[in-house]
PDB file of N, CA and C in Angstrom:
ATOM      1  N   MET A   1     -52.235  94.992  49.621  1.00  0.00           N
ATOM      2  CA  MET A   1     -53.242  95.089  48.580  1.00  0.00           C
ATOM      3  C   MET A   1     -52.552  95.465  47.274  1.00  0.00           C
ATOM      4  N   ARG A   2     -52.923  94.772  46.209  1.00  0.00           N
ATOM      5  CA  ARG A   2     -52.346  95.035  44.891  1.00  0.00           C
ATOM      6  C   ARG A   2     -53.422  95.610  43.972  1.00  0.00           C
ATOM      7  N   ILE A   3     -53.129  96.757  43.387  1.00  0.00           N
ATOM      8  CA  ILE A   3     -54.054  97.414  42.457  1.00  0.00           C
ATOM      9  C   ILE A   3     -53.852  96.794  41.077  1.00  0.00           C
ATOM     10  N   VAL A   4     -54.916  96.212  40.517  1.00  0.00           N
ATOM     11  CA  VAL A   4     -54.791  95.510  39.241  1.00  0.00           C
ATOM     12  C   VAL A   4     -55.492  96.209  38.080  1.00  0.00           C
ATOM     13  N   LYS A   5     -56.334  97.200  38.402  1.00  0.00           N
ATOM     14  CA  LYS A   5     -57.055  97.901  37.331  1.00  0.00           C
ATOM     15  C   LYS A   5     -57.458  99.287  37.813  1.00  0.00           C
ATOM     16  N   ASN A   6     -57.874 100.126  36.878  1.00  0.00           N
ATOM     17  CA  ASN A   6     -58.380 101.449  37.225  1.00  0.00           C
ATOM     18  C   ASN A   6     -59.749 101.307  37.875  1.00  0.00           C
ATOM     19  N   ALA A   7     -60.053 102.215  38.813  1.00  0.00           N
ATOM     20  CA  ALA A   7     -61.367 102.232  39.442  1.00  0.00           C
ATOM     21  C   ALA A   7     -61.664 103.648  39.920  1.00  0.00           C
ATOM     22  N   VAL A   8     -62.947 103.948  40.073  1.00  0.00           N
ATOM     23  CA  VAL A   8     -63.368 105.277  40.523  1.00  0.00           C
ATOM     24  C   VAL A   8     -64.421 105.155  41.614  1.00  0.00           C
ATOM     25  N   ALA A   9     -64.591 106.255  42.342  1.00  0.00           N
ATOM     26  CA  ALA A   9     -65.660 106.375  43.335  1.00  0.00           C
ATOM     27  C   ALA A   9     -65.931 107.851  43.537  1.00  0.00           C
ATOM     28  N   GLY A  10     -67.171 108.170  43.903  1.00  0.00           N
ATOM     29  CA  GLY A  10     -67.532 109.551  44.189  1.00  0.00           C
ATOM     30  C   GLY A  10     -68.147 110.270  43.012  1.00  0.00           C
ATOM     31  N   THR A  11     -68.432 111.558  43.248  1.00  0.00           N
ATOM     32  CA  THR A  11     -69.047 112.407  42.228  1.00  0.00           C
ATOM     33  C   THR A  11     -68.358 113.768  42.218  1.00  0.00           C
ATOM     34  N   LEU A  12     -68.769 114.606  41.317  1.00  0.00           N
ATOM     35  CA  LEU A  12     -68.264 115.979  41.264  1.00  0.00           C
ATOM     36  C   LEU A  12     -69.263 116.962  41.866  1.00  0.00           C
ATOM     37  N   GLU A  13     -70.201 116.435  42.648  1.00  0.00           N
ATOM     38  CA  GLU A  13     -71.175 117.283  43.337  1.00  0.00           C
ATOM     39  C   GLU A  13     -70.498 118.057  44.464  1.00  0.00           C
ATOM     40  N   SER A  14     -71.112 119.131  44.894  1.00  0.00           N
ATOM     41  CA  SER A  14     -70.605 119.904  46.013  1.00  0.00           C
ATOM     42  C   SER A  14     -70.513 119.025  47.261  1.00  0.00           C
ATOM     43  N   SER A  15     -69.475 119.204  48.039  1.00  0.00           N
ATOM     44  CA  SER A  15     -69.212 118.461  49.283  1.00  0.00           C
ATOM     45  C   SER A  15     -68.884 116.995  49.048  1.00  0.00           C
ATOM     46  N   ASP A  16     -68.446 116.644  47.854  1.00  0.00           N
ATOM     47  CA  ASP A  16     -68.034 115.276  47.551  1.00  0.00           C
ATOM     48  C   ASP A  16     -66.641 115.319  46.925  1.00  0.00           C
ATOM     49  N   VAL A  17     -66.111 114.152  46.626  1.00  0.00           N
ATOM     50  CA  VAL A  17     -64.816 114.048  45.966  1.00  0.00           C
ATOM     51  C   VAL A  17     -64.893 112.913  44.959  1.00  0.00           C
ATOM     52  N   PHE A  18     -64.332 113.131  43.779  1.00  0.00           N
ATOM     53  CA  PHE A  18     -64.256 112.102  42.755  1.00  0.00           C
ATOM     54  C   PHE A  18     -62.841 111.554  42.797  1.00  0.00           C
ATOM     55  N   VAL A  19     -62.719 110.255  43.055  1.00  0.00           N
ATOM     56  CA  VAL A  19     -61.410 109.623  43.203  1.00  0.00           C
ATOM     57  C   VAL A  19     -61.230 108.580  42.110  1.00  0.00           C
ATOM     58  N   GLU A  20     -60.071 108.622  41.458  1.00  0.00           N
ATOM     59  CA  GLU A  20     -59.686 107.606  40.484  1.00  0.00           C
ATOM     60  C   GLU A  20     -58.367 107.008  40.938  1.00  0.00           C
ATOM     61  N   VAL A  21     -58.275 105.687  40.929  1.00  0.00           N
ATOM     62  CA  VAL A  21     -57.021 105.019  41.251  1.00  0.00           C
ATOM     63  C   VAL A  21     -56.603 104.160  40.072  1.00  0.00           C
ATOM     64  N   ALA A  22     -55.298 104.004  39.901  1.00  0.00           N
ATOM     65  CA  ALA A  22     -54.754 103.219  38.801  1.00  0.00           C
ATOM     66  C   ALA A  22     -53.456 102.562  39.261  1.00  0.00           C
ATOM     67  N   PRO A  23     -53.094 101.439  38.634  1.00  0.00           N
ATOM     68  CA  PRO A  23     -51.815 100.814  38.968  1.00  0.00           C
ATOM     69  C   PRO A  23     -50.670 101.784  38.675  1.00  0.00           C
ATOM     70  N   GLY A  24     -49.637 101.760  39.489  1.00  0.00           N
ATOM     71  CA  GLY A  24     -48.492 102.635  39.286  1.00  0.00           C
ATOM     72  C   GLY A  24     -47.272 102.072  39.961  1.00  0.00           C
ATOM     73  N   LYS A  25     -46.209 102.836  39.981  1.00  0.00           N
ATOM     74  CA  LYS A  25     -44.974 102.484  40.683  1.00  0.00           C
ATOM     75  C   LYS A  25     -44.827 103.470  41.828  1.00  0.00           C
ATOM     76  N   GLY A  26     -44.795 102.966  43.051  1.00  0.00           N
ATOM     77  CA  GLY A  26     -44.782 103.853  44.202  1.00  0.00           C
ATOM     78  C   GLY A  26     -46.165 104.456  44.387  1.00  0.00           C
ATOM     79  N   VAL A  27     -46.236 105.453  45.256  1.00  0.00           N
ATOM     80  CA  VAL A  27     -47.507 106.129  45.523  1.00  0.00           C
ATOM     81  C   VAL A  27     -47.443 107.540  44.957  1.00  0.00           C
ATOM     82  N   ALA A  28     -48.331 107.854  44.036  1.00  0.00           N
ATOM     83  CA  ALA A  28     -48.414 109.190  43.450  1.00  0.00           C
ATOM     84  C   ALA A  28     -49.807 109.742  43.725  1.00  0.00           C
ATOM     85  N   ILE A  29     -49.856 110.986  44.215  1.00  0.00           N
ATOM     86  CA  ILE A  29     -51.133 111.627  44.519  1.00  0.00           C
ATOM     87  C   ILE A  29     -51.258 112.890  43.678  1.00  0.00           C
ATOM     88  N   GLU A  30     -52.333 112.955  42.895  1.00  0.00           N
ATOM     89  CA  GLU A  30     -52.634 114.145  42.088  1.00  0.00           C
ATOM     90  C   GLU A  30     -53.947 114.713  42.618  1.00  0.00           C
ATOM     91  N   LEU A  31     -53.894 115.924  43.132  1.00  0.00           N
ATOM     92  CA  LEU A  31     -55.071 116.519  43.769  1.00  0.00           C
ATOM     93  C   LEU A  31     -55.478 117.817  43.103  1.00  0.00           C
ATOM     94  N   THR A  32     -56.763 117.930  42.815  1.00  0.00           N
ATOM     95  CA  THR A  32     -57.389 119.172  42.398  1.00  0.00           C
ATOM     96  C   THR A  32     -58.469 119.452  43.442  1.00  0.00           C
ATOM     97  N   SER A  33     -58.519 120.679  43.963  1.00  0.00           N
ATOM     98  CA  SER A  33     -59.497 120.978  45.005  1.00  0.00           C
ATOM     99  C   SER A  33     -59.908 122.437  44.961  1.00  0.00           C
ATOM    100  N   ILE A  34     -61.184 122.688  45.285  1.00  0.00           N
ATOM    101  CA  ILE A  34     -61.662 124.064  45.360  1.00  0.00           C
ATOM    102  C   ILE A  34     -61.150 124.743  46.630  1.00  0.00           C
ATOM    103  N   VAL A  35     -60.599 123.954  47.541  1.00  0.00           N
ATOM    104  CA  VAL A  35     -60.039 124.506  48.793  1.00  0.00           C
ATOM    105  C   VAL A  35     -58.556 124.165  48.920  1.00  0.00           C
ATOM    106  N   MET A  36     -57.870 124.115  47.780  1.00  0.00           N
ATOM    107  CA  MET A  36     -56.456 123.713  47.754  1.00  0.00           C
ATOM    108  C   MET A  36     -55.586 124.579  48.658  1.00  0.00           C
ATOM    109  N   ASN A  37     -55.772 125.890  48.611  1.00  0.00           N
ATOM    110  CA  ASN A  37     -54.929 126.774  49.422  1.00  0.00           C
ATOM    111  C   ASN A  37     -55.099 126.539  50.916  1.00  0.00           C
ATOM    112  N   GLN A  38     -56.317 126.284  51.348  1.00  0.00           N
ATOM    113  CA  GLN A  38     -56.591 126.110  52.769  1.00  0.00           C
ATOM    114  C   GLN A  38     -56.309 124.688  53.245  1.00  0.00           C
ATOM    115  N   PHE A  39     -56.690 123.670  52.474  1.00  0.00           N
ATOM    116  CA  PHE A  39     -56.679 122.296  52.973  1.00  0.00           C
ATOM    117  C   PHE A  39     -55.945 121.291  52.084  1.00  0.00           C
ATOM    118  N   GLY A  40     -55.267 121.750  51.060  1.00  0.00           N
ATOM    119  CA  GLY A  40     -54.592 120.846  50.130  1.00  0.00           C
ATOM    120  C   GLY A  40     -53.648 119.859  50.792  1.00  0.00           C
ATOM    121  N   GLU A  41     -52.785 120.336  51.660  1.00  0.00           N
ATOM    122  CA  GLU A  41     -51.825 119.455  52.330  1.00  0.00           C
ATOM    123  C   GLU A  41     -52.525 118.466  53.248  1.00  0.00           C
ATOM    124  N   SER A  42     -53.561 118.907  53.935  1.00  0.00           N
ATOM    125  CA  SER A  42     -54.319 118.027  54.820  1.00  0.00           C
ATOM    126  C   SER A  42     -55.015 116.921  54.024  1.00  0.00           C
ATOM    127  N   ILE A  43     -55.564 117.264  52.877  1.00  0.00           N
ATOM    128  CA  ILE A  43     -56.229 116.270  52.028  1.00  0.00           C
ATOM    129  C   ILE A  43     -55.214 115.248  51.534  1.00  0.00           C
ATOM    130  N   LYS A  44     -54.046 115.708  51.107  1.00  0.00           N
ATOM    131  CA  LYS A  44     -52.999 114.789  50.651  1.00  0.00           C
ATOM    132  C   LYS A  44     -52.558 113.856  51.777  1.00  0.00           C
ATOM    133  N   LYS A  45     -52.452 114.375  53.001  1.00  0.00           N
ATOM    134  CA  LYS A  45     -52.089 113.534  54.145  1.00  0.00           C
ATOM    135  C   LYS A  45     -53.155 112.480  54.404  1.00  0.00           C
ATOM    136  N   THR A  46     -54.421 112.864  54.291  1.00  0.00           N
ATOM    137  CA  THR A  46     -55.517 111.917  54.471  1.00  0.00           C
ATOM    138  C   THR A  46     -55.438 110.811  53.428  1.00  0.00           C
ATOM    139  N   ILE A  47     -55.208 111.179  52.187  1.00  0.00           N
ATOM    140  CA  ILE A  47     -55.099 110.198  51.105  1.00  0.00           C
ATOM    141  C   ILE A  47     -53.923 109.259  51.362  1.00  0.00           C
ATOM    142  N   ALA A  48     -52.779 109.816  51.701  1.00  0.00           N
ATOM    143  CA  ALA A  48     -51.588 108.995  51.961  1.00  0.00           C
ATOM    144  C   ALA A  48     -51.816 108.040  53.126  1.00  0.00           C
ATOM    145  N   GLU A  49     -52.509 108.489  54.165  1.00  0.00           N
ATOM    146  CA  GLU A  49     -52.781 107.639  55.323  1.00  0.00           C
ATOM    147  C   GLU A  49     -53.689 106.470  54.956  1.00  0.00           C
ATOM    148  N   VAL A  50     -54.716 106.714  54.152  1.00  0.00           N
ATOM    149  CA  VAL A  50     -55.615 105.631  53.731  1.00  0.00           C
ATOM    150  C   VAL A  50     -54.848 104.616  52.885  1.00  0.00           C
ATOM    151  N   VAL A  51     -54.035 105.096  51.971  1.00  0.00           N
ATOM    152  CA  VAL A  51     -53.243 104.207  51.117  1.00  0.00           C
ATOM    153  C   VAL A  51     -52.316 103.350  51.985  1.00  0.00           C
ATOM    154  N   ARG A  52     -51.655 103.961  52.957  1.00  0.00           N
ATOM    155  CA  ARG A  52     -50.748 103.239  53.849  1.00  0.00           C
ATOM    156  C   ARG A  52     -51.514 102.216  54.690  1.00  0.00           C
ATOM    157  N   ARG A  53     -52.617 102.641  55.270  1.00  0.00           N
ATOM    158  CA  ARG A  53     -53.414 101.772  56.135  1.00  0.00           C
ATOM    159  C   ARG A  53     -53.942 100.552  55.396  1.00  0.00           C
ATOM    160  N   MET A  54     -54.256 100.720  54.117  1.00  0.00           N
ATOM    161  CA  MET A  54     -54.791  99.609  53.331  1.00  0.00           C
ATOM    162  C   MET A  54     -53.683  98.759  52.704  1.00  0.00           C
ATOM    163  N   GLY A  55     -52.434  99.111  52.952  1.00  0.00           N
ATOM    164  CA  GLY A  55     -51.315  98.299  52.495  1.00  0.00           C
ATOM    165  C   GLY A  55     -51.030  98.382  51.010  1.00  0.00           C
ATOM    166  N   VAL A  56     -51.347  99.510  50.401  1.00  0.00           N
ATOM    167  CA  VAL A  56     -51.103  99.693  48.974  1.00  0.00           C
ATOM    168  C   VAL A  56     -49.727 100.340  48.796  1.00  0.00           C
ATOM    169  N   GLU A  57     -48.910  99.728  47.932  1.00  0.00           N
ATOM    170  CA  GLU A  57     -47.563 100.256  47.713  1.00  0.00           C
ATOM    171  C   GLU A  57     -47.385 100.907  46.349  1.00  0.00           C
ATOM    172  N   ASP A  58     -48.138 100.456  45.357  1.00  0.00           N
ATOM    173  CA  ASP A  58     -47.994 100.967  44.000  1.00  0.00           C
ATOM    174  C   ASP A  58     -49.348 101.425  43.473  1.00  0.00           C
ATOM    175  N   VAL A  59     -49.564 102.756  43.453  1.00  0.00           N
ATOM    176  CA  VAL A  59     -50.854 103.279  43.014  1.00  0.00           C
ATOM    177  C   VAL A  59     -50.718 104.746  42.602  1.00  0.00           C
ATOM    178  N   ILE A  60     -51.514 105.128  41.640  1.00  0.00           N
ATOM    179  CA  ILE A  60     -51.687 106.533  41.289  1.00  0.00           C
ATOM    180  C   ILE A  60     -53.081 106.918  41.766  1.00  0.00           C
ATOM    181  N   VAL A  61     -53.172 107.937  42.600  1.00  0.00           N
ATOM    182  CA  VAL A  61     -54.463 108.423  43.101  1.00  0.00           C
ATOM    183  C   VAL A  61     -54.703 109.804  42.506  1.00  0.00           C
ATOM    184  N   ARG A  62     -55.809 109.953  41.793  1.00  0.00           N
ATOM    185  CA  ARG A  62     -56.220 111.263  41.276  1.00  0.00           C
ATOM    186  C   ARG A  62     -57.512 111.629  41.987  1.00  0.00           C
ATOM    187  N   ALA A  63     -57.508 112.774  42.666  1.00  0.00           N
ATOM    188  CA  ALA A  63     -58.690 113.194  43.412  1.00  0.00           C
ATOM    189  C   ALA A  63     -59.105 114.590  42.976  1.00  0.00           C
ATOM    190  N   ASN A  64     -60.398 114.750  42.708  1.00  0.00           N
ATOM    191  CA  ASN A  64     -60.971 116.049  42.384  1.00  0.00           C
ATOM    192  C   ASN A  64     -61.953 116.375  43.508  1.00  0.00           C
ATOM    193  N   ASP A  65     -61.498 117.199  44.442  1.00  0.00           N
ATOM    194  CA  ASP A  65     -62.262 117.505  45.649  1.00  0.00           C
ATOM    195  C   ASP A  65     -63.159 118.712  45.442  1.00  0.00           C
ATOM    196  N   ARG A  66     -64.399 118.570  45.914  1.00  0.00           N
ATOM    197  CA  ARG A  66     -65.369 119.666  45.826  1.00  0.00           C
ATOM    198  C   ARG A  66     -65.802 120.109  47.219  1.00  0.00           C
ATOM    199  N   GLY A  67     -64.864 120.034  48.187  1.00  0.00           N
ATOM    200  CA  GLY A  67     -65.152 120.478  49.543  1.00  0.00           C
ATOM    201  C   GLY A  67     -65.615 119.359  50.459  1.00  0.00           C
ATOM    202  N   ALA A  68     -65.152 118.140  50.192  1.00  0.00           N
ATOM    203  CA  ALA A  68     -65.566 116.977  50.981  1.00  0.00           C
ATOM    204  C   ALA A  68     -64.911 116.973  52.355  1.00  0.00           C
ATOM    205  N   LEU A  69     -65.635 116.434  53.327  1.00  0.00           N
ATOM    206  CA  LEU A  69     -65.069 116.216  54.656  1.00  0.00           C
ATOM    207  C   LEU A  69     -64.080 115.053  54.596  1.00  0.00           C
ATOM    208  N   ASP A  70     -63.180 114.984  55.588  1.00  0.00           N
ATOM    209  CA  ASP A  70     -62.189 113.909  55.641  1.00  0.00           C
ATOM    210  C   ASP A  70     -62.828 112.524  55.582  1.00  0.00           C
ATOM    211  N   CYS A  71     -63.931 112.330  56.305  1.00  0.00           N
ATOM    212  CA  CYS A  71     -64.576 111.012  56.324  1.00  0.00           C
ATOM    213  C   CYS A  71     -65.086 110.622  54.942  1.00  0.00           C
ATOM    214  N   VAL A  72     -65.512 111.591  54.154  1.00  0.00           N
ATOM    215  CA  VAL A  72     -65.988 111.326  52.794  1.00  0.00           C
ATOM    216  C   VAL A  72     -64.798 110.973  51.898  1.00  0.00           C
ATOM    217  N   ILE A  73     -63.708 111.701  52.036  1.00  0.00           N
ATOM    218  CA  ILE A  73     -62.500 111.427  51.255  1.00  0.00           C
ATOM    219  C   ILE A  73     -62.018 110.004  51.548  1.00  0.00           C
ATOM    220  N   GLN A  74     -61.980 109.651  52.819  1.00  0.00           N
ATOM    221  CA  GLN A  74     -61.541 108.308  53.204  1.00  0.00           C
ATOM    222  C   GLN A  74     -62.449 107.238  52.615  1.00  0.00           C
ATOM    223  N   ALA A  75     -63.756 107.421  52.732  1.00  0.00           N
ATOM    224  CA  ALA A  75     -64.707 106.424  52.231  1.00  0.00           C
ATOM    225  C   ALA A  75     -64.609 106.265  50.717  1.00  0.00           C
ATOM    226  N   ARG A  76     -64.520 107.360  50.007  1.00  0.00           N
ATOM    227  CA  ARG A  76     -64.439 107.292  48.538  1.00  0.00           C
ATOM    228  C   ARG A  76     -63.146 106.595  48.106  1.00  0.00           C
ATOM    229  N   LEU A  77     -62.032 106.938  48.756  1.00  0.00           N
ATOM    230  CA  LEU A  77     -60.755 106.335  48.389  1.00  0.00           C
ATOM    231  C   LEU A  77     -60.744 104.842  48.722  1.00  0.00           C
ATOM    232  N   GLU A  78     -61.238 104.468  49.888  1.00  0.00           N
ATOM    233  CA  GLU A  78     -61.311 103.047  50.245  1.00  0.00           C
ATOM    234  C   GLU A  78     -62.136 102.273  49.225  1.00  0.00           C
ATOM    235  N   THR A  79     -63.265 102.834  48.817  1.00  0.00           N
ATOM    236  CA  THR A  79     -64.121 102.181  47.827  1.00  0.00           C
ATOM    237  C   THR A  79     -63.391 101.993  46.503  1.00  0.00           C
ATOM    238  N   ALA A  80     -62.734 103.040  46.028  1.00  0.00           N
ATOM    239  CA  ALA A  80     -62.001 102.948  44.763  1.00  0.00           C
ATOM    240  C   ALA A  80     -60.884 101.905  44.856  1.00  0.00           C
ATOM    241  N   LEU A  81     -60.163 101.884  45.964  1.00  0.00           N
ATOM    242  CA  LEU A  81     -59.078 100.917  46.119  1.00  0.00           C
ATOM    243  C   LEU A  81     -59.606  99.487  46.142  1.00  0.00           C
ATOM    244  N   LEU A  82     -60.693  99.252  46.836  1.00  0.00           N
ATOM    245  CA  LEU A  82     -61.280  97.911  46.874  1.00  0.00           C
ATOM    246  C   LEU A  82     -61.776  97.480  45.491  1.00  0.00           C
ATOM    247  N   ARG A  83     -62.346  98.407  44.749  1.00  0.00           N
ATOM    248  CA  ARG A  83     -62.795  98.098  43.384  1.00  0.00           C
ATOM    249  C   ARG A  83     -61.604  97.785  42.477  1.00  0.00           C
ATOM    250  N   ALA A  84     -60.484  98.449  42.710  1.00  0.00           N
ATOM    251  CA  ALA A  84     -59.312  98.294  41.839  1.00  0.00           C
ATOM    252  C   ALA A  84     -58.549  97.002  42.089  1.00  0.00           C
ATOM    253  N   GLU A  85     -58.771  96.374  43.239  1.00  0.00           N
ATOM    254  CA  GLU A  85     -58.051  95.126  43.502  1.00  0.00           C
ATOM    255  C   GLU A  85     -58.812  93.904  43.003  1.00  0.00           C
ATOM    256  N   LYS A  86     -60.099  94.057  42.743  1.00  0.00           N
ATOM    257  CA  LYS A  86     -60.929  92.926  42.334  1.00  0.00           C
ATOM    258  C   LYS A  86     -60.772  92.629  40.844  1.00  0.00           C
ATOM    259  N   GLU A  87     -60.761  91.368  40.522  1.00  0.00           N
ATOM    260  CA  GLU A  87     -60.794  90.940  39.120  1.00  0.00           C
ATOM    261  C   GLU A  87     -62.257  90.708  38.751  1.00  0.00           C
ATOM    262  N   SER A  88     -62.690  91.318  37.642  1.00  0.00           N
ATOM    263  CA  SER A  88     -64.076  91.060  37.219  1.00  0.00           C
ATOM    264  C   SER A  88     -64.146  90.761  35.744  1.00  0.00           C
TER     265      SER A  88
END
């Protein structure tokens, strides 16, 4: 999958995550989270796994987590990545 434009998914509501993806070189993950001390590394691993599974090699992922479950993080990131590959 090739990222061709910036895209977003999610909200800044409690128990959600706002994800922005943009074209980049390599995979870069920027995470802000209200539970960074407890789950920061786990969230980054989840993000990296979704990026790998979807075959993305060059992307910048910015995530602002508000206590989202892993399944929500995965869904929001997948949505943003799919939006970023489409030409409109």
